[in-house]
Amino acid sequence: MKTKVFIYTLLFALILSCGKAANYSPGFIKDTTGRYLFNTNEVIEVYFENNELFLKWRGAEKIEPIYLDKNTYFVKEMNKKIQFLKHPETEVFYISEISEDEKAEITYNYKKLPDSVLVPSTYLKNKEYDKALEGYLAIQKEDSTSAFLNQYDFNRLGYKFLNDKNYTDAIEVFKLNSALHPTSDNVYDSLAEAYAKSGDTLQALENYKMALKYNTGNRRAKSFIAAYNNK
């Protein structure tokens, strides 16, 4: 029942908000612009254009929150009401989710990050592979089953580079994957293929040997090693 009341109240608020426009002060824009930690590998980016508030989140580059009232918004892509709050003790800005329970305490959900702090996916996007690996290893230490460590996601990215004949980045991504999944024959098989296509047959051989070590039935590894030994 509470959920239905919340939905009806929200719909009513959305109708009333049509035509409303926020007037942001330079101070508010400065304080709230930036990246907020959504989880260990994702951020919400807040920015302004022509005095309008926008978000970047999960690949969407221009999410426009619906302005409801002073410092209160509805983000349909997240299905959440949010507000910007400064923590009274740390004085750090947060994006706060507004609960449907009016008696619920204020929560500080998504912390604003310093400009110098990046999440692993951002380092990966920027091709800063050592820093990306460091971040993913930290995630792995906390939760080895994290969805952000999926070896097939890294493999797809590596093959995207490989298909574009960008061997350097393909090798770096596959190396990162092998560091995160050191007992998977698949990661070594992919890394070996990238080395082979780049012309580095010695590294290809070593990685095919690793692939065969963890999967004695790996046909491509067997074929490459046999061909190399018969030279």
Protein backbone atom coordinates (compact mmCIF):
# COMPACT_ATOMS: atom_id res chain seq x y z
CA MET A 1 0.00 0.00 0.00
CA LYS A 2 2.84 2.38 0.88
CA THR A 3 4.43 1.75 -2.51
CA LYS A 4 1.20 2.65 -4.35
CA VAL A 5 0.80 5.83 -2.33
CA PHE A 6 4.40 6.75 -3.07
CA ILE A 7 3.92 6.16 -6.81
CA TYR A 8 0.72 8.23 -6.93
CA THR A 9 2.36 11.00 -4.92
CA LEU A 10 5.35 10.95 -7.23
CA LEU A 11 3.20 11.06 -10.36
CA PHE A 12 1.27 13.99 -8.92
CA ALA A 13 4.53 15.75 -8.12
CA LEU A 14 5.78 15.12 -11.66
CA ILE A 15 2.64 16.65 -13.12
CA LEU A 16 2.98 19.69 -10.89
CA SER A 17 6.66 19.99 -11.79
CA CYS A 18 5.97 20.35 -15.51
CA GLY A 19 7.11 23.79 -16.48
CA LYS A 20 9.22 24.21 -13.38
CA ALA A 21 12.82 25.20 -13.95
CA ALA A 22 15.59 25.25 -11.41
CA ASN A 23 17.71 28.35 -11.08
CA TYR A 24 21.12 27.14 -10.01
CA SER A 25 23.58 29.41 -8.27
CA PRO A 26 27.25 29.35 -9.32
CA GLY A 27 28.05 27.95 -5.89
CA PHE A 28 25.62 25.05 -6.24
CA ILE A 29 26.96 24.23 -9.71
CA LYS A 30 30.54 24.25 -8.43
CA ASP A 31 29.74 22.14 -5.36
CA THR A 32 27.72 19.46 -7.14
CA THR A 33 29.57 19.11 -10.45
CA GLY A 34 31.75 16.02 -10.47
CA ARG A 35 31.76 12.24 -10.18
CA TYR A 36 29.94 10.29 -7.46
CA LEU A 37 30.84 6.72 -6.51
CA PHE A 38 27.91 4.50 -7.50
CA ASN A 39 29.77 1.27 -6.68
CA THR A 40 33.35 -0.01 -6.72
CA ASN A 41 33.58 0.21 -10.52
CA GLU A 42 30.96 2.75 -11.61
CA VAL A 43 30.33 6.45 -11.13
CA ILE A 44 27.52 8.92 -11.66
CA GLU A 45 28.84 12.05 -13.33
CA VAL A 46 27.02 15.32 -12.68
CA TYR A 47 27.43 18.26 -15.04
CA PHE A 48 25.61 21.39 -16.16
CA GLU A 49 24.89 22.90 -19.59
CA ASN A 50 23.19 26.28 -19.93
CA ASN A 51 22.13 26.13 -16.28
CA GLU A 52 20.54 22.68 -16.76
CA LEU A 53 21.51 19.64 -14.71
CA PHE A 54 22.52 16.40 -16.46
CA LEU A 55 23.92 13.03 -15.41
CA LYS A 56 26.13 10.45 -17.09
CA TRP A 57 25.49 6.92 -15.90
CA ARG A 58 26.01 3.42 -17.31
CA GLY A 59 26.70 4.56 -20.85
CA ALA A 60 23.96 7.18 -20.99
CA GLU A 61 25.66 10.50 -21.70
CA LYS A 62 22.84 12.98 -21.10
CA ILE A 63 20.30 11.94 -18.48
CA GLU A 64 18.07 14.85 -17.53
CA PRO A 65 16.68 14.54 -13.99
CA ILE A 66 13.15 15.85 -13.53
CA TYR A 67 13.17 18.84 -11.20
CA LEU A 68 10.51 18.41 -8.50
CA ASP A 69 11.31 21.03 -5.91
CA LYS A 70 14.24 22.74 -4.29
CA ASN A 71 17.17 20.30 -4.57
CA THR A 72 14.83 17.36 -5.26
CA TYR A 73 14.80 15.39 -8.53
CA PHE A 74 13.40 12.25 -10.06
CA VAL A 75 15.74 10.21 -12.26
CA LYS A 76 13.58 7.87 -14.31
CA GLU A 77 16.59 5.89 -15.59
CA MET A 78 17.36 4.98 -11.98
CA ASN A 79 13.74 5.02 -10.82
CA LYS A 80 14.80 7.07 -7.82
CA LYS A 81 14.20 10.43 -6.21
CA ILE A 82 17.46 12.09 -5.29
CA GLN A 83 18.88 15.19 -3.69
CA PHE A 84 22.35 16.65 -3.17
CA LEU A 85 23.52 16.84 0.44
CA LYS A 86 26.68 17.89 2.22
CA HIS A 87 27.65 15.51 5.00
CA PRO A 88 27.60 17.51 8.26
CA GLU A 89 30.77 15.91 9.60
CA THR A 90 33.01 15.49 6.54
CA GLU A 91 31.51 18.36 4.49
CA VAL A 92 31.73 16.11 1.42
CA PHE A 93 28.85 16.23 -1.05
CA TYR A 94 26.71 13.16 -1.65
CA ILE A 95 23.83 12.15 -3.87
CA SER A 96 21.15 11.00 -1.45
CA GLU A 97 18.29 8.68 -2.36
CA ILE A 98 14.95 9.83 -0.98
CA SER A 99 13.01 6.99 0.59
CA GLU A 100 9.30 6.47 0.03
CA ASP A 101 9.06 6.21 3.81
CA GLU A 102 8.72 9.77 5.05
CA LYS A 103 9.99 8.73 8.48
CA ALA A 104 13.18 7.21 7.11
CA GLU A 105 16.48 8.75 8.13
CA ILE A 106 18.55 10.73 5.65
CA THR A 107 21.04 8.54 3.81
CA TYR A 108 24.30 9.52 2.16
CA ASN A 109 24.43 7.07 -0.72
CA TYR A 110 26.88 8.20 -3.39
CA LYS A 111 29.96 10.10 -2.32
CA LYS A 112 31.50 12.80 -4.50
CA LEU A 113 35.00 11.77 -5.54
CA PRO A 114 38.09 13.96 -5.70
CA ASP A 115 39.15 14.66 -9.29
CA SER A 116 42.28 12.57 -8.78
CA VAL A 117 40.38 9.41 -7.78
CA LEU A 118 39.21 7.14 -10.60
CA VAL A 119 37.46 3.78 -10.58
CA PRO A 120 39.05 0.80 -12.41
CA SER A 121 36.70 1.01 -15.40
CA THR A 122 37.76 4.62 -15.98
CA TYR A 123 41.43 3.68 -15.85
CA LEU A 124 40.66 0.88 -18.31
CA LYS A 125 38.85 3.28 -20.62
CA ASN A 126 41.82 5.66 -20.40
CA LYS A 127 44.19 2.77 -21.22
CA GLU A 128 45.98 3.11 -17.89
CA TYR A 129 46.22 -0.64 -17.56
CA ASP A 130 48.47 -0.90 -14.49
CA LYS A 131 46.15 1.33 -12.46
CA ALA A 132 43.10 -0.52 -13.80
CA LEU A 133 44.58 -3.84 -12.71
CA GLU A 134 45.40 -2.46 -9.27
CA GLY A 135 41.78 -1.39 -8.87
CA TYR A 136 40.34 -4.67 -10.09
CA LEU A 137 42.65 -6.64 -7.80
CA ALA A 138 41.35 -4.56 -4.88
CA ILE A 139 37.78 -5.44 -5.90
CA GLN A 140 38.78 -9.09 -6.21
CA LYS A 141 40.25 -9.04 -2.71
CA GLU A 142 36.94 -7.82 -1.31
CA ASP A 143 34.67 -9.95 -3.51
CA SER A 144 36.17 -12.58 -5.80
CA THR A 145 32.75 -13.22 -7.38
CA SER A 146 32.15 -9.58 -8.35
CA ALA A 147 30.45 -9.12 -11.72
CA PHE A 148 33.06 -6.48 -12.53
CA LEU A 149 35.69 -9.22 -12.80
CA ASN A 150 33.94 -11.22 -15.53
CA GLN A 151 36.73 -12.60 -17.71
CA TYR A 152 34.49 -12.73 -20.77
CA ASP A 153 33.81 -9.00 -20.59
CA PHE A 154 37.55 -8.31 -20.65
CA ASN A 155 37.95 -10.85 -23.43
CA ARG A 156 35.37 -9.08 -25.57
CA LEU A 157 37.19 -5.78 -25.10
CA GLY A 158 40.50 -7.43 -25.97
CA TYR A 159 39.06 -8.94 -29.15
CA LYS A 160 37.60 -5.59 -30.12
CA PHE A 161 41.13 -4.21 -30.13
CA LEU A 162 42.44 -7.34 -31.84
CA ASN A 163 39.85 -7.15 -34.62
CA ASP A 164 40.91 -3.53 -35.18
CA LYS A 165 44.53 -4.75 -35.41
CA ASN A 166 45.36 -2.73 -32.31
CA TYR A 167 47.69 -5.39 -30.97
CA THR A 168 49.25 -3.31 -28.21
CA ASP A 169 45.98 -2.61 -26.40
CA ALA A 170 44.65 -6.11 -27.10
CA ILE A 171 47.72 -7.61 -25.42
CA GLU A 172 47.43 -5.25 -22.44
CA VAL A 173 43.77 -6.14 -21.87
CA PHE A 174 44.45 -9.87 -22.19
CA LYS A 175 47.41 -9.55 -19.78
CA LEU A 176 45.12 -7.82 -17.29
CA ASN A 177 42.60 -10.63 -17.70
CA SER A 178 45.26 -13.29 -17.13
CA ALA A 179 46.38 -11.53 -13.95
CA LEU A 180 42.81 -11.60 -12.64
CA HIS A 181 42.12 -15.17 -13.81
CA PRO A 182 45.50 -16.95 -13.65
CA THR A 183 44.08 -20.48 -13.84
CA SER A 184 41.83 -19.97 -16.88
CA ASP A 185 43.12 -21.49 -20.12
CA ASN A 186 40.88 -19.13 -22.09
CA VAL A 187 42.72 -15.97 -21.00
CA TYR A 188 46.10 -17.41 -22.01
CA ASP A 189 44.68 -18.67 -25.30
CA SER A 190 43.46 -15.16 -26.15
CA LEU A 191 46.74 -13.56 -25.06
CA ALA A 192 48.71 -16.07 -27.13
CA GLU A 193 46.58 -15.32 -30.19
CA ALA A 194 47.21 -11.59 -29.78
CA TYR A 195 50.96 -12.15 -29.49
CA ALA A 196 50.93 -14.43 -32.54
CA LYS A 197 49.08 -11.88 -34.66
CA SER A 198 51.46 -9.16 -33.49
CA GLY A 199 54.40 -11.27 -34.70
CA ASP A 200 55.76 -12.25 -31.28
CA THR A 201 55.83 -16.03 -31.67
CA LEU A 202 57.91 -16.64 -28.53
CA GLN A 203 55.35 -14.99 -26.26
CA ALA A 204 52.59 -16.73 -28.20
CA LEU A 205 54.29 -20.07 -27.53
CA GLU A 206 54.67 -19.39 -23.80
CA ASN A 207 51.03 -18.43 -23.42
CA TYR A 208 49.75 -21.36 -25.46
CA LYS A 209 51.77 -23.58 -23.10
CA MET A 210 49.98 -21.93 -20.18
CA ALA A 211 46.62 -22.49 -21.89
CA LEU A 212 47.50 -26.15 -22.37
CA LYS A 213 48.59 -26.43 -18.75
CA TYR A 214 45.11 -25.48 -17.54
CA ASN A 215 43.25 -27.29 -20.29
CA THR A 216 45.01 -30.29 -21.80
CA GLY A 217 42.32 -30.48 -24.45
CA ASN A 218 42.98 -27.01 -25.90
CA ARG A 219 43.29 -27.83 -29.61
CA ARG A 220 44.55 -24.46 -30.77
CA ALA A 221 47.33 -24.53 -28.20
CA LYS A 222 48.32 -28.06 -29.22
CA SER A 223 48.31 -27.12 -32.90
CA PHE A 224 50.45 -24.01 -32.41
CA ILE A 225 52.98 -25.77 -30.17
CA ALA A 226 53.28 -28.70 -32.59
CA ALA A 227 53.76 -26.38 -35.56
CA TYR A 228 56.39 -24.38 -33.67
CA ASN A 229 58.32 -27.50 -32.65
CA ASN A 230 58.30 -28.82 -36.23
CA LYS A 231 59.98 -25.72 -37.63
